[in-house]
């Protein structure tokens, strides 16, 4: 039987060599028939710590590596386009302070 391969989004990269990946899916409500958005959470082994929060990744089934990890990272499909606003504001503030110090001299 072939191993399952799925694509999901990394929602946590706080652990070393482990990622939390959410796989979105849509299911029909059994009684009302309305389409509901659900997600499946998988813990993925990432040997090289290659993926980051927000990345879209491809994962594959593997034998259990720990209590929760049953998947391995195949590749990063798309890097996250999220911007760290706090870092940008801090850099802009430092730039303004440097410009003010230069103008004061």
PDB file of N, CA and C in Angstrom:
ATOM      1  N   UNK A   1       0.840  -1.180   0.000  1.00  0.00           N
ATOM      2  CA  UNK A   1       0.000   0.000   0.000  1.00  0.00           C
ATOM      3  C   UNK A   1       0.886   1.244   0.000  1.00  0.00           C
ATOM      4  N   UNK A   2       0.648   2.188  -0.924  1.00  0.00           N
ATOM      5  CA  UNK A   2       1.500   3.376  -1.004  1.00  0.00           C
ATOM      6  C   UNK A   2       1.293   4.288   0.205  1.00  0.00           C
ATOM      7  N   UNK A   3       2.338   5.049   0.508  1.00  0.00           N
ATOM      8  CA  UNK A   3       2.267   5.992   1.613  1.00  0.00           C
ATOM      9  C   UNK A   3       1.504   7.234   1.190  1.00  0.00           C
ATOM     10  N   UNK A   4       0.766   7.814   2.139  1.00  0.00           N
ATOM     11  CA  UNK A   4       0.013   9.028   1.844  1.00  0.00           C
ATOM     12  C   UNK A   4       0.950  10.222   1.764  1.00  0.00           C
ATOM     13  N   UNK A   5       0.708  11.088   0.795  1.00  0.00           N
ATOM     14  CA  UNK A   5       1.424  12.351   0.674  1.00  0.00           C
ATOM     15  C   UNK A   5       0.384  13.457   0.679  1.00  0.00           C
ATOM     16  N   UNK A   6       0.554  14.443   1.554  1.00  0.00           N
ATOM     17  CA  UNK A   6      -0.394  15.549   1.646  1.00  0.00           C
ATOM     18  C   UNK A   6       0.366  16.868   1.737  1.00  0.00           C
ATOM     19  N   UNK A   7      -0.368  17.956   1.486  1.00  0.00           N
ATOM     20  CA  UNK A   7       0.203  19.297   1.565  1.00  0.00           C
ATOM     21  C   UNK A   7      -0.541  20.063   2.646  1.00  0.00           C
ATOM     22  N   UNK A   8       0.214  20.742   3.509  1.00  0.00           N
ATOM     23  CA  UNK A   8      -0.376  21.508   4.600  1.00  0.00           C
ATOM     24  C   UNK A   8       0.452  22.734   4.920  1.00  0.00           C
ATOM     25  N   UNK A   9       0.036  23.456   5.950  1.00  0.00           N
ATOM     26  CA  UNK A   9       0.689  24.699   6.354  1.00  0.00           C
ATOM     27  C   UNK A   9       1.281  24.532   7.749  1.00  0.00           C
ATOM     28  N   UNK A  10       2.528  24.951   7.918  1.00  0.00           N
ATOM     29  CA  UNK A  10       3.194  24.870   9.219  1.00  0.00           C
ATOM     30  C   UNK A  10       2.585  25.919  10.148  1.00  0.00           C
ATOM     31  N   UNK A  11       2.085  25.471  11.306  1.00  0.00           N
ATOM     32  CA  UNK A  11       1.481  26.399  12.265  1.00  0.00           C
ATOM     33  C   UNK A  11       2.340  26.587  13.504  1.00  0.00           C
ATOM     34  N   UNK A  12       3.357  25.725  13.692  1.00  0.00           N
ATOM     35  CA  UNK A  12       4.261  25.898  14.826  1.00  0.00           C
ATOM     36  C   UNK A  12       5.626  25.332  14.467  1.00  0.00           C
ATOM     37  N   UNK A  13       6.665  26.129  14.757  1.00  0.00           N
ATOM     38  CA  UNK A  13       8.029  25.663  14.526  1.00  0.00           C
ATOM     39  C   UNK A  13       8.877  25.868  15.781  1.00  0.00           C
ATOM     40  N   UNK A  14       8.244  25.799  16.938  1.00  0.00           N
ATOM     41  CA  UNK A  14       8.930  26.061  18.207  1.00  0.00           C
ATOM     42  C   UNK A  14       9.797  24.893  18.659  1.00  0.00           C
ATOM     43  N   UNK A  15       9.470  23.688  18.193  1.00  0.00           N
ATOM     44  CA  UNK A  15      10.216  22.498  18.615  1.00  0.00           C
ATOM     45  C   UNK A  15      11.396  22.244  17.683  1.00  0.00           C
ATOM     46  N   UNK A  16      12.419  21.604  18.194  1.00  0.00           N
ATOM     47  CA  UNK A  16      13.580  21.261  17.389  1.00  0.00           C
ATOM     48  C   UNK A  16      13.277  20.001  16.582  1.00  0.00           C
ATOM     49  N   UNK A  17      13.459  20.078  15.262  1.00  0.00           N
ATOM     50  CA  UNK A  17      13.250  18.964  14.327  1.00  0.00           C
ATOM     51  C   UNK A  17      11.806  18.465  14.299  1.00  0.00           C
ATOM     52  N   UNK A  18      10.872  19.266  14.733  1.00  0.00           N
ATOM     53  CA  UNK A  18       9.460  18.873  14.712  1.00  0.00           C
ATOM     54  C   UNK A  18       8.618  20.089  14.342  1.00  0.00           C
ATOM     55  N   UNK A  19       7.621  19.876  13.506  1.00  0.00           N
ATOM     56  CA  UNK A  19       6.719  20.942  13.088  1.00  0.00           C
ATOM     57  C   UNK A  19       5.284  20.483  13.280  1.00  0.00           C
ATOM     58  N   UNK A  20       4.414  21.443  13.547  1.00  0.00           N
ATOM     59  CA  UNK A  20       2.980  21.156  13.627  1.00  0.00           C
ATOM     60  C   UNK A  20       2.383  21.656  12.317  1.00  0.00           C
ATOM     61  N   UNK A  21       1.780  20.748  11.566  1.00  0.00           N
ATOM     62  CA  UNK A  21       1.248  21.081  10.239  1.00  0.00           C
ATOM     63  C   UNK A  21      -0.256  20.865  10.254  1.00  0.00           C
ATOM     64  N   UNK A  22      -0.994  21.841   9.741  1.00  0.00           N
ATOM     65  CA  UNK A  22      -2.446  21.715   9.622  1.00  0.00           C
ATOM     66  C   UNK A  22      -2.807  21.469   8.168  1.00  0.00           C
ATOM     67  N   UNK A  23      -3.674  20.472   7.961  1.00  0.00           N
ATOM     68  CA  UNK A  23      -4.145  20.126   6.620  1.00  0.00           C
ATOM     69  C   UNK A  23      -5.632  20.484   6.564  1.00  0.00           C
ATOM     70  N   UNK A  24      -5.995  21.504   5.782  1.00  0.00           N
ATOM     71  CA  UNK A  24      -7.409  21.904   5.712  1.00  0.00           C
ATOM     72  C   UNK A  24      -8.222  20.903   4.879  1.00  0.00           C
ATOM     73  N   UNK A  25      -9.481  20.735   5.283  1.00  0.00           N
ATOM     74  CA  UNK A  25     -10.389  19.868   4.524  1.00  0.00           C
ATOM     75  C   UNK A  25     -11.805  20.397   4.705  1.00  0.00           C
ATOM     76  N   UNK A  26     -12.686  20.010   3.801  1.00  0.00           N
ATOM     77  CA  UNK A  26     -14.085  20.409   3.896  1.00  0.00           C
ATOM     78  C   UNK A  26     -14.930  19.147   3.994  1.00  0.00           C
ATOM     79  N   UNK A  27     -15.875  19.146   4.941  1.00  0.00           N
ATOM     80  CA  UNK A  27     -16.766  18.009   5.124  1.00  0.00           C
ATOM     81  C   UNK A  27     -18.211  18.501   5.099  1.00  0.00           C
ATOM     82  N   UNK A  28     -19.088  17.616   4.738  1.00  0.00           N
ATOM     83  CA  UNK A  28     -20.503  17.931   4.722  1.00  0.00           C
ATOM     84  C   UNK A  28     -21.121  17.563   6.068  1.00  0.00           C
ATOM     85  N   UNK A  29     -21.933  18.461   6.615  1.00  0.00           N
ATOM     86  CA  UNK A  29     -22.608  18.178   7.885  1.00  0.00           C
ATOM     87  C   UNK A  29     -23.562  17.011   7.675  1.00  0.00           C
ATOM     88  N   UNK A  30     -23.540  16.015   8.586  1.00  0.00           N
ATOM     89  CA  UNK A  30     -24.352  14.814   8.349  1.00  0.00           C
ATOM     90  C   UNK A  30     -25.856  15.068   8.285  1.00  0.00           C
ATOM     91  N   UNK A  31     -26.359  16.042   9.047  1.00  0.00           N
ATOM     92  CA  UNK A  31     -27.793  16.278   9.074  1.00  0.00           C
ATOM     93  C   UNK A  31     -28.221  17.383   8.110  1.00  0.00           C
ATOM     94  N   UNK A  32     -27.492  18.494   8.113  1.00  0.00           N
ATOM     95  CA  UNK A  32     -27.925  19.667   7.366  1.00  0.00           C
ATOM     96  C   UNK A  32     -27.280  19.798   5.995  1.00  0.00           C
ATOM     97  N   UNK A  33     -26.192  19.100   5.755  1.00  0.00           N
ATOM     98  CA  UNK A  33     -25.564  19.118   4.439  1.00  0.00           C
ATOM     99  C   UNK A  33     -24.680  20.323   4.170  1.00  0.00           C
ATOM    100  N   UNK A  34     -24.584  21.237   5.131  1.00  0.00           N
ATOM    101  CA  UNK A  34     -23.741  22.420   4.942  1.00  0.00           C
ATOM    102  C   UNK A  34     -22.272  22.009   4.932  1.00  0.00           C
ATOM    103  N   UNK A  35     -21.487  22.646   4.072  1.00  0.00           N
ATOM    104  CA  UNK A  35     -20.054  22.368   4.000  1.00  0.00           C
ATOM    105  C   UNK A  35     -19.364  23.075   5.166  1.00  0.00           C
ATOM    106  N   UNK A  36     -18.580  22.322   5.927  1.00  0.00           N
ATOM    107  CA  UNK A  36     -17.885  22.843   7.098  1.00  0.00           C
ATOM    108  C   UNK A  36     -16.390  22.705   6.869  1.00  0.00           C
ATOM    109  N   UNK A  37     -15.643  23.740   7.251  1.00  0.00           N
ATOM    110  CA  UNK A  37     -14.181  23.710   7.146  1.00  0.00           C
ATOM    111  C   UNK A  37     -13.614  23.068   8.405  1.00  0.00           C
ATOM    112  N   UNK A  38     -12.827  22.038   8.227  1.00  0.00           N
ATOM    113  CA  UNK A  38     -12.147  21.355   9.324  1.00  0.00           C
ATOM    114  C   UNK A  38     -10.660  21.303   9.013  1.00  0.00           C
ATOM    115  N   UNK A  39      -9.870  20.925  10.013  1.00  0.00           N
ATOM    116  CA  UNK A  39      -8.433  20.776   9.789  1.00  0.00           C
ATOM    117  C   UNK A  39      -7.933  19.546  10.517  1.00  0.00           C
ATOM    118  N   UNK A  40      -6.930  18.926   9.931  1.00  0.00           N
ATOM    119  CA  UNK A  40      -6.251  17.793  10.536  1.00  0.00           C
ATOM    120  C   UNK A  40      -4.881  18.263  10.964  1.00  0.00           C
ATOM    121  N   UNK A  41      -4.489  17.950  12.199  1.00  0.00           N
ATOM    122  CA  UNK A  41      -3.194  18.378  12.722  1.00  0.00           C
ATOM    123  C   UNK A  41      -2.242  17.185  12.713  1.00  0.00           C
ATOM    124  N   UNK A  42      -1.063  17.376  12.114  1.00  0.00           N
ATOM    125  CA  UNK A  42      -0.033  16.341  12.061  1.00  0.00           C
ATOM    126  C   UNK A  42       1.256  16.916  12.639  1.00  0.00           C
ATOM    127  N   UNK A  43       1.970  16.099  13.391  1.00  0.00           N
ATOM    128  CA  UNK A  43       3.296  16.480  13.857  1.00  0.00           C
ATOM    129  C   UNK A  43       4.296  15.841  12.906  1.00  0.00           C
ATOM    130  N   UNK A  44       5.190  16.668  12.364  1.00  0.00           N
ATOM    131  CA  UNK A  44       6.061  16.263  11.260  1.00  0.00           C
ATOM    132  C   UNK A  44       7.518  16.338  11.688  1.00  0.00           C
ATOM    133  N   UNK A  45       8.295  15.333  11.282  1.00  0.00           N
ATOM    134  CA  UNK A  45       9.734  15.322  11.543  1.00  0.00           C
ATOM    135  C   UNK A  45      10.438  16.125  10.455  1.00  0.00           C
ATOM    136  N   UNK A  46      11.184  17.143  10.876  1.00  0.00           N
ATOM    137  CA  UNK A  46      11.948  18.003   9.964  1.00  0.00           C
ATOM    138  C   UNK A  46      13.404  17.964  10.414  1.00  0.00           C
ATOM    139  N   UNK A  47      14.171  17.055   9.842  1.00  0.00           N
ATOM    140  CA  UNK A  47      15.544  16.789  10.294  1.00  0.00           C
ATOM    141  C   UNK A  47      16.441  18.024  10.249  1.00  0.00           C
ATOM    142  N   UNK A  48      16.304  18.852   9.221  1.00  0.00           N
ATOM    143  CA  UNK A  48      17.213  19.988   9.048  1.00  0.00           C
ATOM    144  C   UNK A  48      16.625  21.319   9.511  1.00  0.00           C
ATOM    145  N   UNK A  49      15.459  21.296  10.147  1.00  0.00           N
ATOM    146  CA  UNK A  49      14.780  22.526  10.577  1.00  0.00           C
ATOM    147  C   UNK A  49      14.632  23.500   9.408  1.00  0.00           C
ATOM    148  N   UNK A  50      14.251  22.969   8.254  1.00  0.00           N
ATOM    149  CA  UNK A  50      14.177  23.738   7.018  1.00  0.00           C
ATOM    150  C   UNK A  50      12.925  24.614   6.952  1.00  0.00           C
ATOM    151  N   UNK A  51      11.797  24.131   7.451  1.00  0.00           N
ATOM    152  CA  UNK A  51      10.545  24.867   7.331  1.00  0.00           C
ATOM    153  C   UNK A  51      10.358  25.830   8.492  1.00  0.00           C
ATOM    154  N   UNK A  52       9.596  26.879   8.231  1.00  0.00           N
ATOM    155  CA  UNK A  52       9.298  27.905   9.225  1.00  0.00           C
ATOM    156  C   UNK A  52       7.787  28.104   9.316  1.00  0.00           C
ATOM    157  N   UNK A  53       7.361  28.873  10.285  1.00  0.00           N
ATOM    158  CA  UNK A  53       5.939  29.137  10.497  1.00  0.00           C
ATOM    159  C   UNK A  53       5.331  29.788   9.251  1.00  0.00           C
ATOM    160  N   UNK A  54       4.201  29.262   8.794  1.00  0.00           N
ATOM    161  CA  UNK A  54       3.507  29.821   7.635  1.00  0.00           C
ATOM    162  C   UNK A  54       3.880  29.198   6.312  1.00  0.00           C
ATOM    163  N   UNK A  55       4.923  28.372   6.266  1.00  0.00           N
ATOM    164  CA  UNK A  55       5.330  27.727   5.020  1.00  0.00           C
ATOM    165  C   UNK A  55       4.323  26.649   4.615  1.00  0.00           C
ATOM    166  N   UNK A  56       4.143  26.482   3.313  1.00  0.00           N
ATOM    167  CA  UNK A  56       3.350  25.381   2.787  1.00  0.00           C
ATOM    168  C   UNK A  56       4.313  24.235   2.499  1.00  0.00           C
ATOM    169  N   UNK A  57       4.022  23.051   3.070  1.00  0.00           N
ATOM    170  CA  UNK A  57       4.953  21.928   2.967  1.00  0.00           C
ATOM    171  C   UNK A  57       4.246  20.668   2.481  1.00  0.00           C
ATOM    172  N   UNK A  58       5.041  19.781   1.899  1.00  0.00           N
ATOM    173  CA  UNK A  58       4.552  18.471   1.493  1.00  0.00           C
ATOM    174  C   UNK A  58       5.109  17.452   2.478  1.00  0.00           C
ATOM    175  N   UNK A  59       4.227  16.587   3.008  1.00  0.00           N
ATOM    176  CA  UNK A  59       4.652  15.602   4.002  1.00  0.00           C
ATOM    177  C   UNK A  59       4.224  14.207   3.561  1.00  0.00           C
ATOM    178  N   UNK A  60       4.889  13.201   4.116  1.00  0.00           N
ATOM    179  CA  UNK A  60       4.615  11.807   3.764  1.00  0.00           C
ATOM    180  C   UNK A  60       4.560  10.970   5.038  1.00  0.00           C
ATOM    181  N   UNK A  61       3.746   9.937   5.010  1.00  0.00           N
ATOM    182  CA  UNK A  61       3.647   9.021   6.147  1.00  0.00           C
ATOM    183  C   UNK A  61       4.972   8.312   6.394  1.00  0.00           C
ATOM    184  N   UNK A  62       5.233   7.960   7.656  1.00  0.00           N
ATOM    185  CA  UNK A  62       6.433   7.207   7.992  1.00  0.00           C
ATOM    186  C   UNK A  62       6.150   6.388   9.249  1.00  0.00           C
ATOM    187  N   UNK A  63       7.009   5.447   9.576  1.00  0.00           N
ATOM    188  CA  UNK A  63       6.846   4.727  10.838  1.00  0.00           C
ATOM    189  C   UNK A  63       6.962   5.695  12.010  1.00  0.00           C
ATOM    190  N   UNK A  64       6.347   5.406  13.149  1.00  0.00           N
ATOM    191  CA  UNK A  64       6.374   6.331  14.281  1.00  0.00           C
ATOM    192  C   UNK A  64       7.793   6.673  14.724  1.00  0.00           C
ATOM    193  N   UNK A  65       8.047   7.977  14.892  1.00  0.00           N
ATOM    194  CA  UNK A  65       9.351   8.449  15.347  1.00  0.00           C
ATOM    195  C   UNK A  65       9.296   8.840  16.822  1.00  0.00           C
ATOM    196  N   UNK A  66       8.111   9.163  17.322  1.00  0.00           N
ATOM    197  CA  UNK A  66       7.922   9.497  18.729  1.00  0.00           C
ATOM    198  C   UNK A  66       6.439   9.294  19.049  1.00  0.00           C
ATOM    199  N   UNK A  67       6.025   9.805  20.204  1.00  0.00           N
ATOM    200  CA  UNK A  67       4.638   9.625  20.628  1.00  0.00           C
ATOM    201  C   UNK A  67       3.651  10.216  19.622  1.00  0.00           C
ATOM    202  N   UNK A  68       3.982  11.380  19.049  1.00  0.00           N
ATOM    203  CA  UNK A  68       3.063  12.054  18.129  1.00  0.00           C
ATOM    204  C   UNK A  68       3.511  12.067  16.677  1.00  0.00           C
ATOM    205  N   UNK A  69       4.802  11.977  16.421  1.00  0.00           N
ATOM    206  CA  UNK A  69       5.310  12.141  15.054  1.00  0.00           C
ATOM    207  C   UNK A  69       5.133  10.876  14.224  1.00  0.00           C
ATOM    208  N   UNK A  70       4.323  11.003  13.159  1.00  0.00           N
ATOM    209  CA  UNK A  70       4.070   9.900  12.233  1.00  0.00           C
ATOM    210  C   UNK A  70       4.261  10.336  10.781  1.00  0.00           C
ATOM    211  N   UNK A  71       4.828  11.529  10.580  1.00  0.00           N
ATOM    212  CA  UNK A  71       4.991  12.098   9.255  1.00  0.00           C
ATOM    213  C   UNK A  71       6.400  12.657   9.116  1.00  0.00           C
ATOM    214  N   UNK A  72       6.885  12.719   7.863  1.00  0.00           N
ATOM    215  CA  UNK A  72       8.191  13.305   7.551  1.00  0.00           C
ATOM    216  C   UNK A  72       8.014  14.406   6.518  1.00  0.00           C
ATOM    217  N   UNK A  73       8.874  15.396   6.597  1.00  0.00           N
ATOM    218  CA  UNK A  73       8.862  16.493   5.636  1.00  0.00           C
ATOM    219  C   UNK A  73       9.516  16.029   4.338  1.00  0.00           C
ATOM    220  N   UNK A  74       8.826  16.242   3.208  1.00  0.00           N
ATOM    221  CA  UNK A  74       9.384  15.910   1.898  1.00  0.00           C
ATOM    222  C   UNK A  74      10.070  17.144   1.325  1.00  0.00           C
ATOM    223  N   UNK A  75       9.334  18.264   1.261  1.00  0.00           N
ATOM    224  CA  UNK A  75       9.888  19.500   0.707  1.00  0.00           C
ATOM    225  C   UNK A  75       9.024  20.669   1.130  1.00  0.00           C
ATOM    226  N   UNK A  76       9.604  21.847   1.044  1.00  0.00           N
ATOM    227  CA  UNK A  76       8.860  23.083   1.274  1.00  0.00           C
ATOM    228  C   UNK A  76       8.322  23.521  -0.080  1.00  0.00           C
ATOM    229  N   UNK A  77       7.008  23.537  -0.226  1.00  0.00           N
ATOM    230  CA  UNK A  77       6.374  23.885  -1.493  1.00  0.00           C
ATOM    231  C   UNK A  77       6.464  25.392  -1.723  1.00  0.00           C
ATOM    232  N   UNK A  78       6.136  26.180  -0.687  1.00  0.00           N
ATOM    233  CA  UNK A  78       6.150  27.632  -0.830  1.00  0.00           C
ATOM    234  C   UNK A  78       6.548  28.258   0.500  1.00  0.00           C
ATOM    235  N   UNK A  79       7.478  29.200   0.434  1.00  0.00           N
ATOM    236  CA  UNK A  79       7.907  29.907   1.641  1.00  0.00           C
ATOM    237  C   UNK A  79       6.846  30.921   2.055  1.00  0.00           C
ATOM    238  N   UNK A  80       6.800  31.199   3.332  1.00  0.00           N
ATOM    239  CA  UNK A  80       5.840  32.153   3.870  1.00  0.00           C
ATOM    240  C   UNK A  80       6.180  33.564   3.415  1.00  0.00           C
ATOM    241  N   UNK A  81       5.151  34.362   3.141  1.00  0.00           N
ATOM    242  CA  UNK A  81       5.341  35.750   2.735  1.00  0.00           C
ATOM    243  C   UNK A  81       5.073  36.704   3.897  1.00  0.00           C
ATOM    244  N   UNK A  82       4.916  36.172   5.108  1.00  0.00           N
ATOM    245  CA  UNK A  82       4.633  36.999   6.276  1.00  0.00           C
ATOM    246  C   UNK A  82       5.841  37.868   6.612  1.00  0.00           C
ATOM    247  N   UNK A  83       5.553  39.070   7.065  1.00  0.00           N
ATOM    248  CA  UNK A  83       6.596  40.022   7.403  1.00  0.00           C
ATOM    249  C   UNK A  83       6.574  40.232   8.913  1.00  0.00           C
ATOM    250  N   UNK A  84       7.755  40.284   9.521  1.00  0.00           N
ATOM    251  CA  UNK A  84       7.857  40.534  10.946  1.00  0.00           C
ATOM    252  C   UNK A  84       7.768  42.039  11.184  1.00  0.00           C
ATOM    253  N   UNK A  85       6.575  42.509  11.557  1.00  0.00           N
ATOM    254  CA  UNK A  85       6.350  43.937  11.718  1.00  0.00           C
ATOM    255  C   UNK A  85       7.162  44.514  12.880  1.00  0.00           C
ATOM    256  N   UNK A  86       7.313  43.764  13.948  1.00  0.00           N
ATOM    257  CA  UNK A  86       8.063  44.267  15.099  1.00  0.00           C
ATOM    258  C   UNK A  86       9.521  44.536  14.726  1.00  0.00           C
ATOM    259  N   UNK A  87      10.113  43.641  13.949  1.00  0.00           N
ATOM    260  CA  UNK A  87      11.503  43.828  13.519  1.00  0.00           C
ATOM    261  C   UNK A  87      11.623  45.026  12.576  1.00  0.00           C
ATOM    262  N   UNK A  88      10.638  45.200  11.698  1.00  0.00           N
ATOM    263  CA  UNK A  88      10.671  46.334  10.778  1.00  0.00           C
ATOM    264  C   UNK A  88      10.561  47.659  11.534  1.00  0.00           C
ATOM    265  N   UNK A  89       9.674  47.710  12.539  1.00  0.00           N
ATOM    266  CA  UNK A  89       9.509  48.935  13.327  1.00  0.00           C
ATOM    267  C   UNK A  89      10.772  49.238  14.129  1.00  0.00           C
ATOM    268  N   UNK A  90      11.396  48.207  14.690  1.00  0.00           N
ATOM    269  CA  UNK A  90      12.627  48.406  15.458  1.00  0.00           C
ATOM    270  C   UNK A  90      13.744  48.925  14.559  1.00  0.00           C
ATOM    271  N   UNK A  91      13.849  48.382  13.355  1.00  0.00           N
ATOM    272  CA  UNK A  91      14.880  48.836  12.418  1.00  0.00           C
ATOM    273  C   UNK A  91      14.626  50.286  11.992  1.00  0.00           C
ATOM    274  N   UNK A  92      13.370  50.635  11.762  1.00  0.00           N
ATOM    275  CA  UNK A  92      13.033  52.008  11.373  1.00  0.00           C
ATOM    276  C   UNK A  92      13.339  52.971  12.512  1.00  0.00           C
ATOM    277  N   UNK A  93      13.057  52.554  13.739  1.00  0.00           N
ATOM    278  CA  UNK A  93      13.330  53.406  14.900  1.00  0.00           C
ATOM    279  C   UNK A  93      14.830  53.649  15.051  1.00  0.00           C
ATOM    280  N   UNK A  94      15.629  52.592  14.879  1.00  0.00           N
ATOM    281  CA  UNK A  94      17.083  52.742  14.959  1.00  0.00           C
ATOM    282  C   UNK A  94      17.598  53.667  13.864  1.00  0.00           C
ATOM    283  N   UNK A  95      17.017  53.555  12.690  1.00  0.00           N
ATOM    284  CA  UNK A  95      17.403  54.390  11.560  1.00  0.00           C
ATOM    285  C   UNK A  95      17.100  55.861  11.847  1.00  0.00           C
ATOM    286  N   UNK A  96      15.917  56.125  12.436  1.00  0.00           N
ATOM    287  CA  UNK A  96      15.544  57.489  12.779  1.00  0.00           C
ATOM    288  C   UNK A  96      16.457  58.061  13.854  1.00  0.00           C
ATOM    289  N   UNK A  97      16.784  57.235  14.851  1.00  0.00           N
ATOM    290  CA  UNK A  97      17.670  57.697  15.918  1.00  0.00           C
ATOM    291  C   UNK A  97      19.061  58.005  15.362  1.00  0.00           C
ATOM    292  N   UNK A  98      19.554  57.176  14.444  1.00  0.00           N
ATOM    293  CA  UNK A  98      20.866  57.417  13.847  1.00  0.00           C
ATOM    294  C   UNK A  98      20.848  58.697  13.020  1.00  0.00           C
ATOM    295  N   UNK A  99      19.757  58.946  12.296  1.00  0.00           N
ATOM    296  CA  UNK A  99      19.637  60.156  11.490  1.00  0.00           C
ATOM    297  C   UNK A  99      19.559  61.392  12.392  1.00  0.00           C
ATOM    298  N   UNK A 100      18.854  61.279  13.518  1.00  0.00           N
ATOM    299  CA  UNK A 100      18.745  62.379  14.459  1.00  0.00           C
ATOM    300  C   UNK A 100      20.095  62.674  15.112  1.00  0.00           C
ATOM    301  N   UNK A 101      20.846  61.633  15.441  1.00  0.00           N
ATOM    302  CA  UNK A 101      22.163  61.808  16.054  1.00  0.00           C
ATOM    303  C   UNK A 101      23.130  62.446  15.065  1.00  0.00           C
ATOM    304  N   UNK A 102      23.037  62.088  13.805  1.00  0.00           N
ATOM    305  CA  UNK A 102      23.914  62.645  12.777  1.00  0.00           C
ATOM    306  C   UNK A 102      23.565  64.113  12.534  1.00  0.00           C
ATOM    307  N   UNK A 103      22.282  64.431  12.555  1.00  0.00           N
ATOM    308  CA  UNK A 103      21.836  65.814  12.327  1.00  0.00           C
ATOM    309  C   UNK A 103      22.218  66.699  13.507  1.00  0.00           C
ATOM    310  N   UNK A 104      22.266  66.143  14.718  1.00  0.00           N
ATOM    311  CA  UNK A 104      22.590  66.918  15.915  1.00  0.00           C
ATOM    312  C   UNK A 104      24.062  67.288  15.958  1.00  0.00           C
ATOM    313  N   UNK A 105      24.908  66.534  15.298  1.00  0.00           N
ATOM    314  CA  UNK A 105      26.360  66.795  15.333  1.00  0.00           C
ATOM    315  C   UNK A 105      26.745  67.917  14.476  1.00  0.00           C
TER     316      UNK A 105
END
